Amino acid sequence: MGYTIKQVSEKTKLGAHVLRYYEKEGLLSPVNRKKGGIRHYSEDDLEWLGLICCLKNTGMSIKQIKSFVDLSAQGKDTLKQRCDMLIEHKQSVEAQIREMGKHLEKVSHKISHFSSQHEQYLREQSRDGEASVCKG
């Protein structure tokens, strides 16, 4: 089973230009082609794209991803290097998550604080409105 660039674009939510760029930069092995030069993506290509997107979306640079891909192309002798690279990246992602958790706590605290103030403001407005109606 194979996929056209359009089908891969729909599956991955990556534009065709991004897919061609990844191939040109060597992040993705050269994609097989059918008659007329039409790209024909395999399941393995989709798997690689999934990993590339995962690494990119978690903050790994294109240069680092390229290094990882290059190591992968060298075979099993680089398994330890690839594992170390992913462990380092995982630690970086975990640190970012901890930092974002702190930011999220602060935002949640501020939402609670401002919601309380808003409720109090509405109660005061309600009381002020009642007082002016009673004065008639």
N, C-alpha and C. Protein backbone atom coordinates (compact mmCIF):
# COMPACT_ATOMS: atom_id res chain seq x y z
N MET A 1 0.86 -1.19 0.00
CA MET A 1 0.00 0.00 0.00
C MET A 1 0.89 1.23 0.00
N GLY A 2 0.52 2.20 -0.77
CA GLY A 2 1.28 3.44 -0.84
C GLY A 2 0.36 4.64 -0.83
N TYR A 3 0.94 5.79 -0.59
CA TYR A 3 0.16 7.02 -0.45
C TYR A 3 0.73 8.11 -1.34
N THR A 4 -0.14 8.91 -1.89
CA THR A 4 0.28 10.07 -2.67
C THR A 4 0.67 11.18 -1.69
N ILE A 5 1.31 12.21 -2.19
CA ILE A 5 1.69 13.33 -1.34
C ILE A 5 0.45 14.01 -0.76
N LYS A 6 -0.63 14.02 -1.53
CA LYS A 6 -1.87 14.62 -1.05
C LYS A 6 -2.44 13.81 0.12
N GLN A 7 -2.44 12.49 -0.01
CA GLN A 7 -2.95 11.64 1.07
C GLN A 7 -2.09 11.77 2.33
N VAL A 8 -0.78 11.82 2.16
CA VAL A 8 0.12 11.97 3.30
C VAL A 8 -0.08 13.34 3.94
N SER A 9 -0.26 14.34 3.12
CA SER A 9 -0.51 15.69 3.63
C SER A 9 -1.78 15.71 4.48
N GLU A 10 -2.83 15.04 4.01
CA GLU A 10 -4.09 14.98 4.76
C GLU A 10 -3.91 14.19 6.06
N LYS A 11 -3.18 13.09 6.01
CA LYS A 11 -2.98 12.24 7.20
C LYS A 11 -2.13 12.94 8.26
N THR A 12 -1.09 13.66 7.82
CA THR A 12 -0.13 14.24 8.76
C THR A 12 -0.41 15.71 9.08
N LYS A 13 -1.31 16.32 8.32
CA LYS A 13 -1.60 17.75 8.46
C LYS A 13 -0.37 18.61 8.13
N LEU A 14 0.53 18.05 7.32
CA LEU A 14 1.70 18.78 6.83
C LEU A 14 1.45 19.14 5.37
N GLY A 15 1.78 20.33 5.00
CA GLY A 15 1.62 20.74 3.61
C GLY A 15 2.57 19.98 2.70
N ALA A 16 2.21 19.87 1.44
CA ALA A 16 3.05 19.18 0.47
C ALA A 16 4.43 19.81 0.40
N HIS A 17 4.49 21.15 0.53
CA HIS A 17 5.79 21.83 0.49
C HIS A 17 6.67 21.43 1.67
N VAL A 18 6.06 21.17 2.84
CA VAL A 18 6.81 20.73 4.02
C VAL A 18 7.34 19.32 3.78
N LEU A 19 6.51 18.46 3.22
CA LEU A 19 6.93 17.09 2.92
C LEU A 19 8.11 17.08 1.95
N ARG A 20 8.03 17.91 0.92
CA ARG A 20 9.12 17.99 -0.05
C ARG A 20 10.38 18.56 0.61
N TYR A 21 10.19 19.55 1.51
CA TYR A 21 11.31 20.15 2.23
C TYR A 21 11.99 19.10 3.11
N TYR A 22 11.22 18.33 3.86
CA TYR A 22 11.80 17.28 4.71
C TYR A 22 12.61 16.28 3.89
N GLU A 23 12.10 15.95 2.72
CA GLU A 23 12.81 15.02 1.86
C GLU A 23 14.10 15.67 1.34
N LYS A 24 14.00 16.91 0.91
CA LYS A 24 15.16 17.64 0.37
C LYS A 24 16.26 17.79 1.42
N GLU A 25 15.85 18.05 2.67
CA GLU A 25 16.81 18.24 3.76
C GLU A 25 17.36 16.94 4.32
N GLY A 26 16.84 15.82 3.85
CA GLY A 26 17.34 14.53 4.30
C GLY A 26 16.73 14.04 5.59
N LEU A 27 15.63 14.67 6.03
CA LEU A 27 14.94 14.19 7.23
C LEU A 27 14.17 12.93 6.91
N LEU A 28 13.79 12.81 5.69
CA LEU A 28 13.03 11.66 5.20
C LEU A 28 13.83 11.08 4.04
N SER A 29 13.98 9.78 4.04
CA SER A 29 14.70 9.13 2.94
C SER A 29 14.01 9.48 1.63
N PRO A 30 14.76 9.48 0.53
CA PRO A 30 14.11 9.76 -0.74
C PRO A 30 12.89 8.85 -0.93
N VAL A 31 11.78 9.45 -1.23
CA VAL A 31 10.52 8.72 -1.37
C VAL A 31 10.50 8.03 -2.73
N ASN A 32 10.02 6.78 -2.73
CA ASN A 32 9.88 6.06 -3.99
C ASN A 32 8.96 6.85 -4.91
N ARG A 33 9.18 6.66 -6.20
CA ARG A 33 8.37 7.38 -7.19
C ARG A 33 7.74 6.40 -8.16
N LYS A 34 6.53 6.77 -8.56
CA LYS A 34 5.83 5.99 -9.58
C LYS A 34 6.13 6.60 -10.94
N LYS A 35 5.47 6.05 -11.95
CA LYS A 35 5.61 6.60 -13.29
C LYS A 35 5.34 8.10 -13.26
N GLY A 36 6.11 8.83 -13.99
CA GLY A 36 5.91 10.27 -14.07
C GLY A 36 6.52 11.01 -12.88
N GLY A 37 7.24 10.31 -12.01
CA GLY A 37 7.92 10.96 -10.89
C GLY A 37 7.03 11.28 -9.70
N ILE A 38 5.81 10.73 -9.68
CA ILE A 38 4.88 11.00 -8.59
C ILE A 38 5.33 10.26 -7.34
N ARG A 39 5.44 11.00 -6.24
CA ARG A 39 5.88 10.39 -4.97
C ARG A 39 4.89 9.34 -4.51
N HIS A 40 5.45 8.26 -3.97
CA HIS A 40 4.67 7.13 -3.49
C HIS A 40 5.19 6.77 -2.09
N TYR A 41 4.52 7.31 -1.07
CA TYR A 41 4.96 7.14 0.32
C TYR A 41 4.55 5.77 0.86
N SER A 42 5.46 5.17 1.63
CA SER A 42 5.20 3.87 2.24
C SER A 42 4.77 4.04 3.69
N GLU A 43 4.38 2.94 4.31
CA GLU A 43 4.06 2.96 5.75
C GLU A 43 5.29 3.38 6.56
N ASP A 44 6.47 2.92 6.14
CA ASP A 44 7.71 3.32 6.82
C ASP A 44 7.92 4.83 6.73
N ASP A 45 7.63 5.40 5.56
CA ASP A 45 7.74 6.86 5.41
C ASP A 45 6.81 7.57 6.39
N LEU A 46 5.58 7.05 6.51
CA LEU A 46 4.62 7.65 7.45
C LEU A 46 5.11 7.53 8.89
N GLU A 47 5.71 6.40 9.21
CA GLU A 47 6.25 6.20 10.56
C GLU A 47 7.35 7.22 10.84
N TRP A 48 8.25 7.42 9.89
CA TRP A 48 9.32 8.40 10.05
C TRP A 48 8.75 9.80 10.19
N LEU A 49 7.77 10.12 9.37
CA LEU A 49 7.15 11.44 9.46
C LEU A 49 6.52 11.66 10.84
N GLY A 50 5.93 10.61 11.38
CA GLY A 50 5.36 10.70 12.72
C GLY A 50 6.42 11.02 13.76
N LEU A 51 7.58 10.37 13.65
CA LEU A 51 8.67 10.63 14.58
C LEU A 51 9.23 12.04 14.38
N ILE A 52 9.41 12.43 13.13
CA ILE A 52 9.92 13.77 12.83
C ILE A 52 9.00 14.83 13.43
N CYS A 53 7.70 14.67 13.23
CA CYS A 53 6.73 15.63 13.77
C CYS A 53 6.75 15.64 15.29
N CYS A 54 6.84 14.47 15.89
CA CYS A 54 6.90 14.37 17.35
C CYS A 54 8.12 15.12 17.88
N LEU A 55 9.27 14.86 17.29
CA LEU A 55 10.50 15.52 17.75
C LEU A 55 10.43 17.02 17.54
N LYS A 56 9.96 17.42 16.38
CA LYS A 56 9.85 18.85 16.07
C LYS A 56 8.86 19.53 17.01
N ASN A 57 7.71 18.90 17.22
CA ASN A 57 6.67 19.50 18.07
C ASN A 57 7.06 19.55 19.54
N THR A 58 8.08 18.78 19.92
CA THR A 58 8.55 18.82 21.30
C THR A 58 9.83 19.63 21.42
N GLY A 59 10.13 20.40 20.39
CA GLY A 59 11.20 21.38 20.49
C GLY A 59 12.56 20.98 19.94
N MET A 60 12.67 19.81 19.32
CA MET A 60 13.96 19.45 18.74
C MET A 60 14.14 20.23 17.44
N SER A 61 15.33 20.75 17.25
CA SER A 61 15.60 21.54 16.04
C SER A 61 15.70 20.63 14.82
N ILE A 62 15.51 21.23 13.66
CA ILE A 62 15.64 20.49 12.40
C ILE A 62 17.06 19.92 12.30
N LYS A 63 18.05 20.70 12.73
CA LYS A 63 19.45 20.25 12.69
C LYS A 63 19.64 18.99 13.56
N GLN A 64 19.05 19.00 14.76
CA GLN A 64 19.16 17.83 15.64
C GLN A 64 18.42 16.63 15.05
N ILE A 65 17.25 16.88 14.48
CA ILE A 65 16.49 15.78 13.85
C ILE A 65 17.31 15.19 12.72
N LYS A 66 17.94 16.05 11.93
CA LYS A 66 18.78 15.59 10.82
C LYS A 66 19.91 14.71 11.35
N SER A 67 20.52 15.12 12.47
CA SER A 67 21.59 14.30 13.07
C SER A 67 21.05 12.94 13.48
N PHE A 68 19.85 12.92 14.06
CA PHE A 68 19.23 11.67 14.47
C PHE A 68 18.98 10.78 13.25
N VAL A 69 18.44 11.37 12.20
CA VAL A 69 18.16 10.61 10.97
C VAL A 69 19.46 10.07 10.37
N ASP A 70 20.50 10.91 10.37
CA ASP A 70 21.79 10.47 9.83
C ASP A 70 22.34 9.29 10.64
N LEU A 71 22.23 9.36 11.95
CA LEU A 71 22.68 8.25 12.80
C LEU A 71 21.87 6.99 12.48
N SER A 72 20.58 7.15 12.30
CA SER A 72 19.71 6.01 11.99
C SER A 72 20.13 5.33 10.69
N ALA A 73 20.52 6.14 9.73
CA ALA A 73 20.93 5.61 8.43
C ALA A 73 22.22 4.80 8.54
N GLN A 74 22.99 5.03 9.60
CA GLN A 74 24.25 4.31 9.78
C GLN A 74 24.06 2.92 10.37
N GLY A 75 22.85 2.63 10.82
CA GLY A 75 22.56 1.29 11.29
C GLY A 75 22.70 1.10 12.78
N LYS A 76 22.78 -0.17 13.16
CA LYS A 76 22.73 -0.57 14.57
C LYS A 76 23.91 -0.09 15.39
N ASP A 77 25.01 0.21 14.75
CA ASP A 77 26.19 0.69 15.49
C ASP A 77 25.90 2.01 16.21
N THR A 78 24.86 2.72 15.78
CA THR A 78 24.55 4.03 16.38
C THR A 78 23.36 3.98 17.34
N LEU A 79 22.91 2.79 17.67
CA LEU A 79 21.75 2.68 18.56
C LEU A 79 21.95 3.40 19.88
N LYS A 80 23.13 3.25 20.48
CA LYS A 80 23.42 3.89 21.77
C LYS A 80 23.38 5.41 21.63
N GLN A 81 23.96 5.94 20.57
CA GLN A 81 23.97 7.39 20.34
C GLN A 81 22.54 7.92 20.16
N ARG A 82 21.75 7.17 19.41
CA ARG A 82 20.36 7.60 19.19
C ARG A 82 19.58 7.56 20.49
N CYS A 83 19.79 6.51 21.27
CA CYS A 83 19.11 6.39 22.56
C CYS A 83 19.51 7.55 23.47
N ASP A 84 20.81 7.84 23.53
CA ASP A 84 21.29 8.95 24.36
C ASP A 84 20.68 10.28 23.90
N MET A 85 20.61 10.45 22.60
CA MET A 85 20.04 11.67 22.04
C MET A 85 18.56 11.82 22.45
N LEU A 86 17.82 10.72 22.38
CA LEU A 86 16.40 10.76 22.75
C LEU A 86 16.22 10.94 24.26
N ILE A 87 17.11 10.36 25.06
CA ILE A 87 17.03 10.54 26.51
C ILE A 87 17.26 12.01 26.86
N GLU A 88 18.25 12.61 26.24
CA GLU A 88 18.53 14.03 26.47
C GLU A 88 17.33 14.89 26.06
N HIS A 89 16.75 14.57 24.93
CA HIS A 89 15.57 15.31 24.46
C HIS A 89 14.40 15.13 25.41
N LYS A 90 14.20 13.91 25.87
CA LYS A 90 13.12 13.63 26.82
C LYS A 90 13.29 14.45 28.09
N GLN A 91 14.50 14.54 28.59
CA GLN A 91 14.77 15.33 29.80
C GLN A 91 14.46 16.80 29.56
N SER A 92 14.78 17.29 28.39
CA SER A 92 14.48 18.68 28.03
C SER A 92 12.97 18.91 27.98
N VAL A 93 12.25 17.97 27.38
CA VAL A 93 10.79 18.08 27.29
C VAL A 93 10.17 18.05 28.69
N GLU A 94 10.67 17.16 29.55
CA GLU A 94 10.15 17.07 30.91
C GLU A 94 10.38 18.38 31.68
N ALA A 95 11.54 18.99 31.47
CA ALA A 95 11.83 20.28 32.12
C ALA A 95 10.87 21.35 31.61
N GLN A 96 10.59 21.35 30.32
CA GLN A 96 9.64 22.31 29.74
C GLN A 96 8.24 22.09 30.32
N ILE A 97 7.86 20.84 30.49
CA ILE A 97 6.54 20.52 31.04
C ILE A 97 6.45 21.02 32.48
N ARG A 98 7.51 20.81 33.27
CA ARG A 98 7.50 21.31 34.65
C ARG A 98 7.36 22.82 34.67
N GLU A 99 8.11 23.49 33.81
CA GLU A 99 8.05 24.95 33.73
C GLU A 99 6.65 25.41 33.30
N MET A 100 6.09 24.76 32.30
CA MET A 100 4.74 25.12 31.85
C MET A 100 3.72 24.85 32.94
N GLY A 101 3.92 23.80 33.73
CA GLY A 101 3.03 23.51 34.86
C GLY A 101 3.01 24.66 35.85
N LYS A 102 4.18 25.24 36.12
CA LYS A 102 4.27 26.41 37.02
C LYS A 102 3.50 27.59 36.43
N HIS A 103 3.67 27.81 35.15
CA HIS A 103 2.96 28.91 34.49
C HIS A 103 1.45 28.68 34.53
N LEU A 104 1.05 27.43 34.31
CA LEU A 104 -0.37 27.09 34.33
C LEU A 104 -0.97 27.32 35.71
N GLU A 105 -0.23 26.97 36.75
CA GLU A 105 -0.70 27.22 38.12
C GLU A 105 -0.94 28.70 38.35
N LYS A 106 -0.02 29.53 37.89
CA LYS A 106 -0.16 30.98 38.06
C LYS A 106 -1.38 31.50 37.29
N VAL A 107 -1.55 31.04 36.06
CA VAL A 107 -2.71 31.46 35.26
C VAL A 107 -4.00 31.03 35.95
N SER A 108 -4.04 29.81 36.46
CA SER A 108 -5.23 29.31 37.16
C SER A 108 -5.52 30.14 38.40
N HIS A 109 -4.47 30.48 39.13
CA HIS A 109 -4.63 31.32 40.32
C HIS A 109 -5.21 32.68 39.94
N LYS A 110 -4.71 33.26 38.88
CA LYS A 110 -5.20 34.58 38.44
C LYS A 110 -6.66 34.49 37.96
N ILE A 111 -7.02 33.42 37.31
CA ILE A 111 -8.42 33.24 36.88
C ILE A 111 -9.31 33.22 38.12
N SER A 112 -8.92 32.48 39.12
CA SER A 112 -9.69 32.40 40.36
C SER A 112 -9.78 33.77 41.02
N HIS A 113 -8.67 34.46 41.10
CA HIS A 113 -8.61 35.79 41.72
C HIS A 113 -9.53 36.78 41.00
N PHE A 114 -9.41 36.84 39.68
CA PHE A 114 -10.21 37.80 38.92
C PHE A 114 -11.68 37.41 38.88
N SER A 115 -11.97 36.13 38.89
CA SER A 115 -13.37 35.68 38.94
C SER A 115 -14.01 36.12 40.24
N SER A 116 -13.28 35.97 41.34
CA SER A 116 -13.76 36.41 42.66
C SER A 116 -14.02 37.90 42.66
N GLN A 117 -13.08 38.66 42.13
CA GLN A 117 -13.25 40.11 42.07
C GLN A 117 -14.46 40.48 41.22
N HIS A 118 -14.65 39.78 40.12
CA HIS A 118 -15.77 40.08 39.23
C HIS A 118 -17.10 39.78 39.92
N GLU A 119 -17.17 38.66 40.62
CA GLU A 119 -18.40 38.32 41.36
C GLU A 119 -18.70 39.37 42.42
N GLN A 120 -17.66 39.80 43.12
CA GLN A 120 -17.86 40.85 44.13
C GLN A 120 -18.33 42.14 43.48
N TYR A 121 -17.75 42.50 42.37
CA TYR A 121 -18.14 43.69 41.64
C TYR A 121 -19.62 43.62 41.23
N LEU A 122 -20.03 42.45 40.72
CA LEU A 122 -21.43 42.28 40.32
C LEU A 122 -22.37 42.41 41.51
N ARG A 123 -21.99 41.86 42.67
CA ARG A 123 -22.81 41.99 43.89
C ARG A 123 -22.93 43.46 44.30
N GLU A 124 -21.82 44.19 44.25
CA GLU A 124 -21.83 45.61 44.60
C GLU A 124 -22.70 46.40 43.64
N GLN A 125 -22.60 46.08 42.36
CA GLN A 125 -23.43 46.76 41.36
C GLN A 125 -24.90 46.49 41.61
N SER A 126 -25.21 45.27 41.98
CA SER A 126 -26.58 44.87 42.25
C SER A 126 -27.11 45.64 43.46
N ARG A 127 -26.30 45.73 44.54
CA ARG A 127 -26.71 46.47 45.74
C ARG A 127 -26.87 47.95 45.44
N ASP A 128 -25.96 48.52 44.69
CA ASP A 128 -26.03 49.95 44.34
C ASP A 128 -27.26 50.23 43.51
N GLY A 129 -27.61 49.32 42.64
CA GLY A 129 -28.82 49.48 41.82
C GLY A 129 -30.07 49.43 42.65
N GLU A 130 -30.12 48.54 43.65
CA GLU A 130 -31.27 48.41 44.53
C GLU A 130 -31.43 49.66 45.37
N ALA A 131 -30.31 50.20 45.84
CA ALA A 131 -30.37 51.39 46.71
C ALA A 131 -30.94 52.56 45.94
N SER A 132 -30.54 52.75 44.70
CA SER A 132 -31.04 53.89 43.95
C SER A 132 -32.51 53.72 43.59
N VAL A 133 -32.98 52.47 43.46
CA VAL A 133 -34.40 52.23 43.17
C VAL A 133 -35.21 52.55 44.41
N CYS A 134 -34.73 52.20 45.59
CA CYS A 134 -35.48 52.44 46.85
C CYS A 134 -35.58 53.92 47.16
N LYS A 135 -34.59 54.71 46.80
CA LYS A 135 -34.62 56.14 47.10
C LYS A 135 -35.71 56.84 46.31
N GLY A 136 -36.04 56.23 45.20
CA GLY A 136 -37.15 56.67 44.38
C GLY A 136 -37.13 58.04 44.00
